[in-house]
């Protein structure tokens, strides 16, 4: 057993060398910049829905932001940069799981370590999916997250117990939204910023911007999860459209124009926070 653990440890150590390589770190910072820009674009798309275009006439989510990049001058080149940068960011973030995994072998630390590994792994998956989607757009492929989620929900509802699965997924997404809002209120997101490197005068600015961004993003996630639950209960998959559907639903309620404007500003604020994190990155969740 010890020989197996030693072999695993050696493999992980070699993998850590890759994820800690300076070149990967620099490319990952490009991914963080791309992540921030995509959120600023989502905020702009949401603002357009609130004031300038008909609801549902524009896709206000990650794929809508990537489509906006694709339609700009030099968009295909930028999409390659975004895709590669986000994939590097996913690999860089996954390095934290490799850093912490040995803690799972120590009694008394397993719950904390499992939480950290799950959070870092989830971030890596999100970055990776966005990176692959960016490369899809770079090669000219057409992909719309809202339509694919609607199709997947419809297919799931057709299988035995499918409604329960969709409800569980909706509750999970709502829970993630609540967690994101809580992180915004507590300022836990500042652990991802290297505060030793950031000038003291910028720390409160980054924190205030991050609080606004995390709160807005969390609310959008929670609404998205609620719409999934609604789709399962009513067997109407038209509401299962992810972030785009959530933003359009917010805009459709009374005073929705102003609520959606606030959410749009929040997404832009999250993008600015991500840009600040790219300037002063710290991926170590132990700090």
C-alpha atoms as a PDB file:
ATOM      1  CA  UNK A   1       0.000   0.000   0.000  1.00  0.00           C
ATOM      2  CA  UNK A   2       2.829   2.395   0.873  1.00  0.00           C
ATOM      3  CA  UNK A   3       4.487   1.668  -2.467  1.00  0.00           C
ATOM      4  CA  UNK A   4       1.258   2.565  -4.307  1.00  0.00           C
ATOM      5  CA  UNK A   5       0.871   5.791  -2.346  1.00  0.00           C
ATOM      6  CA  UNK A   6       4.486   6.699  -3.053  1.00  0.00           C
ATOM      7  CA  UNK A   7       3.952   6.097  -6.765  1.00  0.00           C
ATOM      8  CA  UNK A   8       0.841   8.288  -6.744  1.00  0.00           C
ATOM      9  CA  UNK A   9       2.719  10.951  -4.798  1.00  0.00           C
ATOM     10  CA  UNK A  10       5.531  10.950  -7.380  1.00  0.00           C
ATOM     11  CA  UNK A  11       3.077  11.286 -10.265  1.00  0.00           C
ATOM     12  CA  UNK A  12       1.304  14.160  -8.526  1.00  0.00           C
ATOM     13  CA  UNK A  13       4.636  15.849  -7.803  1.00  0.00           C
ATOM     14  CA  UNK A  14       5.528  15.753 -11.504  1.00  0.00           C
ATOM     15  CA  UNK A  15       2.100  17.118 -12.386  1.00  0.00           C
ATOM     16  CA  UNK A  16       2.606  19.920  -9.872  1.00  0.00           C
ATOM     17  CA  UNK A  17       5.803  20.890 -11.675  1.00  0.00           C
ATOM     18  CA  UNK A  18       3.733  21.376 -14.820  1.00  0.00           C
ATOM     19  CA  UNK A  19       0.977  23.400 -13.161  1.00  0.00           C
ATOM     20  CA  UNK A  20       3.539  25.594 -11.375  1.00  0.00           C
ATOM     21  CA  UNK A  21       5.599  26.303 -14.490  1.00  0.00           C
ATOM     22  CA  UNK A  22       6.067  30.074 -15.019  1.00  0.00           C
ATOM     23  CA  UNK A  23       4.944  29.856 -18.651  1.00  0.00           C
ATOM     24  CA  UNK A  24       1.653  28.235 -17.645  1.00  0.00           C
ATOM     25  CA  UNK A  25       1.189  30.861 -14.935  1.00  0.00           C
ATOM     26  CA  UNK A  26       1.555  33.692 -17.464  1.00  0.00           C
ATOM     27  CA  UNK A  27      -0.854  32.057 -19.936  1.00  0.00           C
ATOM     28  CA  UNK A  28      -3.302  31.440 -17.085  1.00  0.00           C
ATOM     29  CA  UNK A  29      -3.256  35.168 -16.341  1.00  0.00           C
ATOM     30  CA  UNK A  30      -4.341  35.698 -19.950  1.00  0.00           C
ATOM     31  CA  UNK A  31      -7.205  33.314 -19.162  1.00  0.00           C
ATOM     32  CA  UNK A  32      -8.151  35.392 -16.128  1.00  0.00           C
ATOM     33  CA  UNK A  33      -8.179  38.509 -18.306  1.00  0.00           C
ATOM     34  CA  UNK A  34     -10.396  36.692 -20.826  1.00  0.00           C
ATOM     35  CA  UNK A  35     -12.689  35.565 -17.996  1.00  0.00           C
ATOM     36  CA  UNK A  36     -13.036  39.146 -16.842  1.00  0.00           C
ATOM     37  CA  UNK A  37     -13.697  40.480 -20.345  1.00  0.00           C
ATOM     38  CA  UNK A  38     -16.407  37.852 -20.925  1.00  0.00           C
ATOM     39  CA  UNK A  39     -18.219  38.981 -17.777  1.00  0.00           C
ATOM     40  CA  UNK A  40     -17.997  42.613 -18.835  1.00  0.00           C
ATOM     41  CA  UNK A  41     -19.532  41.607 -22.182  1.00  0.00           C
ATOM     42  CA  UNK A  42     -22.311  39.669 -20.427  1.00  0.00           C
ATOM     43  CA  UNK A  43     -23.033  42.821 -18.429  1.00  0.00           C
ATOM     44  CA  UNK A  44     -23.188  44.823 -21.664  1.00  0.00           C
ATOM     45  CA  UNK A  45     -25.545  42.295 -23.281  1.00  0.00           C
ATOM     46  CA  UNK A  46     -27.799  42.360 -20.218  1.00  0.00           C
ATOM     47  CA  UNK A  47     -27.805  46.169 -20.301  1.00  0.00           C
ATOM     48  CA  UNK A  48     -28.809  46.069 -23.977  1.00  0.00           C
ATOM     49  CA  UNK A  49     -31.689  43.731 -23.152  1.00  0.00           C
ATOM     50  CA  UNK A  50     -32.817  46.097 -20.398  1.00  0.00           C
ATOM     51  CA  UNK A  51     -32.833  49.225 -22.557  1.00  0.00           C
ATOM     52  CA  UNK A  52     -32.248  48.729 -26.267  1.00  0.00           C
ATOM     53  CA  UNK A  53     -33.448  45.380 -27.639  1.00  0.00           C
ATOM     54  CA  UNK A  54     -36.435  43.093 -27.252  1.00  0.00           C
ATOM     55  CA  UNK A  55     -36.128  40.396 -24.553  1.00  0.00           C
ATOM     56  CA  UNK A  56     -34.870  37.041 -25.885  1.00  0.00           C
ATOM     57  CA  UNK A  57     -33.600  38.720 -29.069  1.00  0.00           C
ATOM     58  CA  UNK A  58     -30.026  38.631 -27.764  1.00  0.00           C
ATOM     59  CA  UNK A  59     -28.203  35.855 -25.903  1.00  0.00           C
ATOM     60  CA  UNK A  60     -26.896  37.232 -22.616  1.00  0.00           C
ATOM     61  CA  UNK A  61     -24.585  34.495 -21.403  1.00  0.00           C
ATOM     62  CA  UNK A  62     -21.075  33.176 -21.999  1.00  0.00           C
ATOM     63  CA  UNK A  63     -21.851  31.997 -25.533  1.00  0.00           C
ATOM     64  CA  UNK A  64     -23.436  35.354 -26.325  1.00  0.00           C
ATOM     65  CA  UNK A  65     -20.276  37.069 -25.107  1.00  0.00           C
ATOM     66  CA  UNK A  66     -18.110  34.763 -27.235  1.00  0.00           C
ATOM     67  CA  UNK A  67     -20.342  35.424 -30.254  1.00  0.00           C
ATOM     68  CA  UNK A  68     -19.828  39.144 -29.668  1.00  0.00           C
ATOM     69  CA  UNK A  69     -16.067  38.615 -29.725  1.00  0.00           C
ATOM     70  CA  UNK A  70     -16.365  36.502 -32.890  1.00  0.00           C
ATOM     71  CA  UNK A  71     -18.204  39.295 -34.708  1.00  0.00           C
ATOM     72  CA  UNK A  72     -15.589  41.925 -33.838  1.00  0.00           C
ATOM     73  CA  UNK A  73     -12.547  42.759 -36.011  1.00  0.00           C
ATOM     74  CA  UNK A  74      -9.895  40.093 -35.426  1.00  0.00           C
ATOM     75  CA  UNK A  75     -12.455  38.133 -33.428  1.00  0.00           C
ATOM     76  CA  UNK A  76     -11.270  34.685 -34.508  1.00  0.00           C
ATOM     77  CA  UNK A  77      -7.726  35.415 -33.348  1.00  0.00           C
ATOM     78  CA  UNK A  78      -9.036  36.750 -30.037  1.00  0.00           C
ATOM     79  CA  UNK A  79     -11.141  33.611 -29.596  1.00  0.00           C
ATOM     80  CA  UNK A  80      -8.053  31.438 -29.966  1.00  0.00           C
ATOM     81  CA  UNK A  81      -6.317  33.532 -27.317  1.00  0.00           C
ATOM     82  CA  UNK A  82      -9.369  33.313 -25.032  1.00  0.00           C
ATOM     83  CA  UNK A  83      -9.761  29.568 -25.512  1.00  0.00           C
ATOM     84  CA  UNK A  84      -6.107  28.710 -24.918  1.00  0.00           C
ATOM     85  CA  UNK A  85      -5.894  31.132 -22.002  1.00  0.00           C
ATOM     86  CA  UNK A  86      -8.940  29.658 -20.275  1.00  0.00           C
ATOM     87  CA  UNK A  87      -7.684  26.099 -20.767  1.00  0.00           C
ATOM     88  CA  UNK A  88      -4.359  27.110 -19.238  1.00  0.00           C
ATOM     89  CA  UNK A  89      -6.279  28.734 -16.385  1.00  0.00           C
ATOM     90  CA  UNK A  90      -8.209  25.483 -15.862  1.00  0.00           C
ATOM     91  CA  UNK A  91      -4.953  23.507 -15.653  1.00  0.00           C
ATOM     92  CA  UNK A  92      -3.401  26.125 -13.369  1.00  0.00           C
ATOM     93  CA  UNK A  93      -6.415  26.025 -11.048  1.00  0.00           C
ATOM     94  CA  UNK A  94      -6.425  22.211 -11.046  1.00  0.00           C
ATOM     95  CA  UNK A  95      -2.945  22.445  -9.591  1.00  0.00           C
ATOM     96  CA  UNK A  96      -4.552  23.359  -6.270  1.00  0.00           C
ATOM     97  CA  UNK A  97      -6.245  19.966  -6.127  1.00  0.00           C
ATOM     98  CA  UNK A  98      -2.807  18.393  -6.582  1.00  0.00           C
ATOM     99  CA  UNK A  99      -1.452  20.626  -3.811  1.00  0.00           C
ATOM    100  CA  UNK A 100      -4.104  19.620  -1.309  1.00  0.00           C
ATOM    101  CA  UNK A 101      -4.942  15.990  -2.112  1.00  0.00           C
ATOM    102  CA  UNK A 102      -2.590  14.443   0.473  1.00  0.00           C
ATOM    103  CA  UNK A 103      -4.670  16.063   3.196  1.00  0.00           C
ATOM    104  CA  UNK A 104      -7.403  13.561   2.387  1.00  0.00           C
ATOM    105  CA  UNK A 105      -5.160  10.910   3.922  1.00  0.00           C
ATOM    106  CA  UNK A 106      -4.958  12.696   7.272  1.00  0.00           C
ATOM    107  CA  UNK A 107      -7.819  12.228   9.766  1.00  0.00           C
ATOM    108  CA  UNK A 108      -9.146  15.494  11.118  1.00  0.00           C
ATOM    109  CA  UNK A 109      -8.398  17.413   7.934  1.00  0.00           C
ATOM    110  CA  UNK A 110     -10.428  15.488   5.403  1.00  0.00           C
ATOM    111  CA  UNK A 111     -13.583  17.608   5.466  1.00  0.00           C
ATOM    112  CA  UNK A 112     -11.703  20.883   5.003  1.00  0.00           C
ATOM    113  CA  UNK A 113      -9.452  19.414   2.307  1.00  0.00           C
ATOM    114  CA  UNK A 114     -12.389  17.809   0.489  1.00  0.00           C
ATOM    115  CA  UNK A 115     -14.161  21.188   0.408  1.00  0.00           C
ATOM    116  CA  UNK A 116     -11.081  22.976  -0.942  1.00  0.00           C
ATOM    117  CA  UNK A 117     -10.445  20.292  -3.577  1.00  0.00           C
ATOM    118  CA  UNK A 118     -14.096  20.347  -4.663  1.00  0.00           C
ATOM    119  CA  UNK A 119     -14.095  24.142  -4.987  1.00  0.00           C
ATOM    120  CA  UNK A 120     -10.830  24.258  -6.911  1.00  0.00           C
ATOM    121  CA  UNK A 121     -11.902  21.365  -9.105  1.00  0.00           C
ATOM    122  CA  UNK A 122     -15.236  23.040  -9.874  1.00  0.00           C
ATOM    123  CA  UNK A 123     -13.439  26.248 -10.881  1.00  0.00           C
ATOM    124  CA  UNK A 124     -11.118  24.257 -13.136  1.00  0.00           C
ATOM    125  CA  UNK A 125     -14.110  22.595 -14.825  1.00  0.00           C
ATOM    126  CA  UNK A 126     -15.837  25.954 -15.406  1.00  0.00           C
ATOM    127  CA  UNK A 127     -12.703  27.470 -16.911  1.00  0.00           C
ATOM    128  CA  UNK A 128     -12.130  24.369 -19.024  1.00  0.00           C
ATOM    129  CA  UNK A 129     -15.671  24.329 -20.414  1.00  0.00           C
ATOM    130  CA  UNK A 130     -15.424  28.027 -21.280  1.00  0.00           C
ATOM    131  CA  UNK A 131     -12.060  27.439 -22.926  1.00  0.00           C
ATOM    132  CA  UNK A 132     -13.376  24.594 -25.097  1.00  0.00           C
ATOM    133  CA  UNK A 133     -16.431  26.681 -26.006  1.00  0.00           C
ATOM    134  CA  UNK A 134     -14.158  29.546 -27.004  1.00  0.00           C
ATOM    135  CA  UNK A 135     -12.217  27.211 -29.310  1.00  0.00           C
ATOM    136  CA  UNK A 136     -15.508  25.995 -30.822  1.00  0.00           C
ATOM    137  CA  UNK A 137     -16.285  29.576 -31.790  1.00  0.00           C
ATOM    138  CA  UNK A 138     -12.701  30.096 -32.986  1.00  0.00           C
ATOM    139  CA  UNK A 139     -13.052  27.310 -35.586  1.00  0.00           C
ATOM    140  CA  UNK A 140     -16.425  28.638 -36.716  1.00  0.00           C
ATOM    141  CA  UNK A 141     -18.658  26.145 -34.897  1.00  0.00           C
ATOM    142  CA  UNK A 142     -22.064  27.349 -33.707  1.00  0.00           C
ATOM    143  CA  UNK A 143     -23.059  26.618 -30.123  1.00  0.00           C
ATOM    144  CA  UNK A 144     -25.739  28.106 -27.905  1.00  0.00           C
ATOM    145  CA  UNK A 145     -25.691  27.106 -24.250  1.00  0.00           C
ATOM    146  CA  UNK A 146     -29.335  28.054 -23.608  1.00  0.00           C
ATOM    147  CA  UNK A 147     -30.643  25.885 -26.458  1.00  0.00           C
ATOM    148  CA  UNK A 148     -28.446  22.935 -25.431  1.00  0.00           C
ATOM    149  CA  UNK A 149     -29.607  23.183 -21.805  1.00  0.00           C
ATOM    150  CA  UNK A 150     -33.221  23.255 -22.960  1.00  0.00           C
ATOM    151  CA  UNK A 151     -32.672  20.125 -25.086  1.00  0.00           C
ATOM    152  CA  UNK A 152     -30.877  18.341 -22.246  1.00  0.00           C
ATOM    153  CA  UNK A 153     -33.673  19.202 -19.814  1.00  0.00           C
ATOM    154  CA  UNK A 154     -36.294  17.924 -22.247  1.00  0.00           C
ATOM    155  CA  UNK A 155     -34.386  14.663 -22.727  1.00  0.00           C
ATOM    156  CA  UNK A 156     -33.997  14.213 -18.970  1.00  0.00           C
ATOM    157  CA  UNK A 157     -37.686  14.793 -18.283  1.00  0.00           C
ATOM    158  CA  UNK A 158     -38.543  11.945 -20.651  1.00  0.00           C
ATOM    159  CA  UNK A 159     -36.718   9.289 -18.616  1.00  0.00           C
ATOM    160  CA  UNK A 160     -38.138   7.694 -15.416  1.00  0.00           C
ATOM    161  CA  UNK A 161     -37.346   9.922 -12.469  1.00  0.00           C
ATOM    162  CA  UNK A 162     -36.148  12.630 -14.819  1.00  0.00           C
ATOM    163  CA  UNK A 163     -38.234  15.341 -13.181  1.00  0.00           C
ATOM    164  CA  UNK A 164     -36.633  14.599  -9.822  1.00  0.00           C
ATOM    165  CA  UNK A 165     -33.179  14.826 -11.407  1.00  0.00           C
ATOM    166  CA  UNK A 166     -33.967  18.204 -12.958  1.00  0.00           C
ATOM    167  CA  UNK A 167     -35.402  19.479  -9.670  1.00  0.00           C
ATOM    168  CA  UNK A 168     -32.262  18.301  -7.851  1.00  0.00           C
ATOM    169  CA  UNK A 169     -30.096  20.043 -10.447  1.00  0.00           C
ATOM    170  CA  UNK A 170     -32.145  23.231 -10.100  1.00  0.00           C
ATOM    171  CA  UNK A 171     -31.829  23.160  -6.319  1.00  0.00           C
ATOM    172  CA  UNK A 172     -28.075  22.578  -6.652  1.00  0.00           C
ATOM    173  CA  UNK A 173     -27.683  25.550  -9.007  1.00  0.00           C
ATOM    174  CA  UNK A 174     -29.739  27.702  -6.639  1.00  0.00           C
ATOM    175  CA  UNK A 175     -27.482  26.552  -3.810  1.00  0.00           C
ATOM    176  CA  UNK A 176     -24.423  27.572  -5.823  1.00  0.00           C
ATOM    177  CA  UNK A 177     -26.033  30.968  -6.382  1.00  0.00           C
ATOM    178  CA  UNK A 178     -26.651  31.360  -2.663  1.00  0.00           C
ATOM    179  CA  UNK A 179     -23.032  30.375  -1.963  1.00  0.00           C
ATOM    180  CA  UNK A 180     -21.763  32.958  -4.464  1.00  0.00           C
ATOM    181  CA  UNK A 181     -23.921  35.664  -2.842  1.00  0.00           C
ATOM    182  CA  UNK A 182     -22.651  34.629   0.600  1.00  0.00           C
ATOM    183  CA  UNK A 183     -19.070  34.796  -0.658  1.00  0.00           C
ATOM    184  CA  UNK A 184     -19.804  38.293  -1.884  1.00  0.00           C
ATOM    185  CA  UNK A 185     -21.162  39.384   1.509  1.00  0.00           C
ATOM    186  CA  UNK A 186     -18.297  37.846   3.492  1.00  0.00           C
ATOM    187  CA  UNK A 187     -15.555  38.969   1.108  1.00  0.00           C
ATOM    188  CA  UNK A 188     -14.180  35.420   0.870  1.00  0.00           C
ATOM    189  CA  UNK A 189     -13.301  36.038  -2.763  1.00  0.00           C
ATOM    190  CA  UNK A 190     -10.388  38.217  -1.627  1.00  0.00           C
ATOM    191  CA  UNK A 191      -8.479  35.000  -0.862  1.00  0.00           C
ATOM    192  CA  UNK A 192      -7.993  34.688  -4.622  1.00  0.00           C
ATOM    193  CA  UNK A 193      -6.124  38.004  -4.740  1.00  0.00           C
ATOM    194  CA  UNK A 194      -2.484  38.331  -3.699  1.00  0.00           C
ATOM    195  CA  UNK A 195      -3.010  41.083  -1.138  1.00  0.00           C
ATOM    196  CA  UNK A 196       0.705  41.294  -0.396  1.00  0.00           C
ATOM    197  CA  UNK A 197       1.373  42.297  -4.015  1.00  0.00           C
ATOM    198  CA  UNK A 198      -1.621  44.630  -4.401  1.00  0.00           C
ATOM    199  CA  UNK A 199      -1.169  48.264  -3.275  1.00  0.00           C
ATOM    200  CA  UNK A 200      -2.937  48.980   0.015  1.00  0.00           C
ATOM    201  CA  UNK A 201      -5.012  51.753  -1.560  1.00  0.00           C
ATOM    202  CA  UNK A 202      -6.487  49.303  -4.096  1.00  0.00           C
ATOM    203  CA  UNK A 203      -7.543  46.575  -1.675  1.00  0.00           C
ATOM    204  CA  UNK A 204     -10.793  48.257  -0.501  1.00  0.00           C
ATOM    205  CA  UNK A 205     -11.655  49.183  -4.103  1.00  0.00           C
ATOM    206  CA  UNK A 206     -11.159  45.602  -5.308  1.00  0.00           C
ATOM    207  CA  UNK A 207     -13.216  44.322  -2.380  1.00  0.00           C
ATOM    208  CA  UNK A 208     -16.145  46.683  -2.992  1.00  0.00           C
ATOM    209  CA  UNK A 209     -16.195  45.890  -6.720  1.00  0.00           C
ATOM    210  CA  UNK A 210     -15.978  42.172  -5.974  1.00  0.00           C
ATOM    211  CA  UNK A 211     -18.866  42.322  -3.492  1.00  0.00           C
ATOM    212  CA  UNK A 212     -21.117  43.908  -6.127  1.00  0.00           C
ATOM    213  CA  UNK A 213     -20.009  41.424  -8.763  1.00  0.00           C
ATOM    214  CA  UNK A 214     -20.392  38.298  -6.661  1.00  0.00           C
ATOM    215  CA  UNK A 215     -23.810  39.365  -5.385  1.00  0.00           C
ATOM    216  CA  UNK A 216     -25.151  40.015  -8.891  1.00  0.00           C
ATOM    217  CA  UNK A 217     -23.724  36.791 -10.287  1.00  0.00           C
ATOM    218  CA  UNK A 218     -25.079  34.776  -7.368  1.00  0.00           C
ATOM    219  CA  UNK A 219     -28.579  36.208  -7.826  1.00  0.00           C
ATOM    220  CA  UNK A 220     -28.496  35.315 -11.529  1.00  0.00           C
ATOM    221  CA  UNK A 221     -27.421  31.752 -10.701  1.00  0.00           C
ATOM    222  CA  UNK A 222     -30.171  31.396  -8.097  1.00  0.00           C
ATOM    223  CA  UNK A 223     -32.820  32.565 -10.579  1.00  0.00           C
ATOM    224  CA  UNK A 224     -31.418  30.157 -13.176  1.00  0.00           C
ATOM    225  CA  UNK A 225     -31.790  27.275 -10.716  1.00  0.00           C
ATOM    226  CA  UNK A 226     -35.342  28.335  -9.879  1.00  0.00           C
ATOM    227  CA  UNK A 227     -36.244  28.291 -13.567  1.00  0.00           C
ATOM    228  CA  UNK A 228     -34.919  24.724 -13.832  1.00  0.00           C
ATOM    229  CA  UNK A 229     -37.161  23.661 -10.958  1.00  0.00           C
ATOM    230  CA  UNK A 230     -40.094  25.435 -12.629  1.00  0.00           C
ATOM    231  CA  UNK A 231     -39.364  23.590 -15.875  1.00  0.00           C
ATOM    232  CA  UNK A 232     -39.457  20.238 -14.071  1.00  0.00           C
ATOM    233  CA  UNK A 233     -42.658  20.978 -12.136  1.00  0.00           C
ATOM    234  CA  UNK A 234     -44.571  22.345 -15.144  1.00  0.00           C
ATOM    235  CA  UNK A 235     -42.925  20.113 -17.792  1.00  0.00           C
ATOM    236  CA  UNK A 236     -42.306  23.319 -19.754  1.00  0.00           C
ATOM    237  CA  UNK A 237     -38.654  23.368 -20.820  1.00  0.00           C
ATOM    238  CA  UNK A 238     -38.905  26.840 -22.325  1.00  0.00           C
ATOM    239  CA  UNK A 239     -37.747  28.308 -18.996  1.00  0.00           C
ATOM    240  CA  UNK A 240     -34.682  26.030 -18.784  1.00  0.00           C
ATOM    241  CA  UNK A 241     -32.284  28.351 -20.562  1.00  0.00           C
ATOM    242  CA  UNK A 242     -29.564  28.929 -17.982  1.00  0.00           C
ATOM    243  CA  UNK A 243     -28.052  32.362 -17.427  1.00  0.00           C
ATOM    244  CA  UNK A 244     -29.658  33.865 -20.523  1.00  0.00           C
ATOM    245  CA  UNK A 245     -33.118  32.780 -19.348  1.00  0.00           C
ATOM    246  CA  UNK A 246     -32.438  34.057 -15.843  1.00  0.00           C
ATOM    247  CA  UNK A 247     -31.451  37.519 -17.062  1.00  0.00           C
ATOM    248  CA  UNK A 248     -34.460  37.710 -19.370  1.00  0.00           C
ATOM    249  CA  UNK A 249     -36.728  36.559 -16.504  1.00  0.00           C
ATOM    250  CA  UNK A 250     -35.342  39.294 -14.245  1.00  0.00           C
ATOM    251  CA  UNK A 251     -35.993  41.854 -16.976  1.00  0.00           C
ATOM    252  CA  UNK A 252     -39.578  40.652 -17.388  1.00  0.00           C
ATOM    253  CA  UNK A 253     -40.779  41.353 -13.817  1.00  0.00           C
ATOM    254  CA  UNK A 254     -42.204  44.723 -12.684  1.00  0.00           C
ATOM    255  CA  UNK A 255     -39.338  47.238 -12.432  1.00  0.00           C
ATOM    256  CA  UNK A 256     -37.326  44.533 -14.203  1.00  0.00           C
ATOM    257  CA  UNK A 257     -35.606  47.080 -16.403  1.00  0.00           C
ATOM    258  CA  UNK A 258     -33.897  48.617 -13.413  1.00  0.00           C
ATOM    259  CA  UNK A 259     -33.259  45.261 -11.724  1.00  0.00           C
ATOM    260  CA  UNK A 260     -31.633  43.941 -14.887  1.00  0.00           C
ATOM    261  CA  UNK A 261     -29.581  47.113 -15.142  1.00  0.00           C
ATOM    262  CA  UNK A 262     -28.306  46.515 -11.607  1.00  0.00           C
ATOM    263  CA  UNK A 263     -27.457  42.905 -12.492  1.00  0.00           C
ATOM    264  CA  UNK A 264     -25.703  44.105 -15.666  1.00  0.00           C
ATOM    265  CA  UNK A 265     -23.587  46.527 -13.627  1.00  0.00           C
ATOM    266  CA  UNK A 266     -22.849  43.673 -11.225  1.00  0.00           C
ATOM    267  CA  UNK A 267     -21.598  41.388 -13.995  1.00  0.00           C
ATOM    268  CA  UNK A 268     -19.397  44.182 -15.305  1.00  0.00           C
ATOM    269  CA  UNK A 269     -18.101  44.696 -11.756  1.00  0.00           C
ATOM    270  CA  UNK A 270     -17.294  40.974 -11.516  1.00  0.00           C
ATOM    271  CA  UNK A 271     -15.365  41.309 -14.759  1.00  0.00           C
ATOM    272  CA  UNK A 272     -13.348  44.207 -13.346  1.00  0.00           C
ATOM    273  CA  UNK A 273     -12.654  42.152 -10.201  1.00  0.00           C
ATOM    274  CA  UNK A 274     -11.418  39.270 -12.411  1.00  0.00           C
ATOM    275  CA  UNK A 275      -9.091  41.705 -14.185  1.00  0.00           C
ATOM    276  CA  UNK A 276      -7.736  42.814 -10.810  1.00  0.00           C
ATOM    277  CA  UNK A 277      -7.248  39.167  -9.880  1.00  0.00           C
ATOM    278  CA  UNK A 278      -5.342  38.673 -13.138  1.00  0.00           C
ATOM    279  CA  UNK A 279      -3.030  41.496 -12.090  1.00  0.00           C
ATOM    280  CA  UNK A 280      -2.558  40.110  -8.563  1.00  0.00           C
ATOM    281  CA  UNK A 281      -3.382  36.380  -8.774  1.00  0.00           C
ATOM    282  CA  UNK A 282      -3.306  34.062  -5.762  1.00  0.00           C
ATOM    283  CA  UNK A 283      -4.744  30.590  -6.259  1.00  0.00           C
ATOM    284  CA  UNK A 284      -3.827  29.232  -2.812  1.00  0.00           C
ATOM    285  CA  UNK A 285      -7.126  28.842  -0.860  1.00  0.00           C
ATOM    286  CA  UNK A 286      -5.240  28.224   2.386  1.00  0.00           C
ATOM    287  CA  UNK A 287      -4.425  31.910   2.788  1.00  0.00           C
END
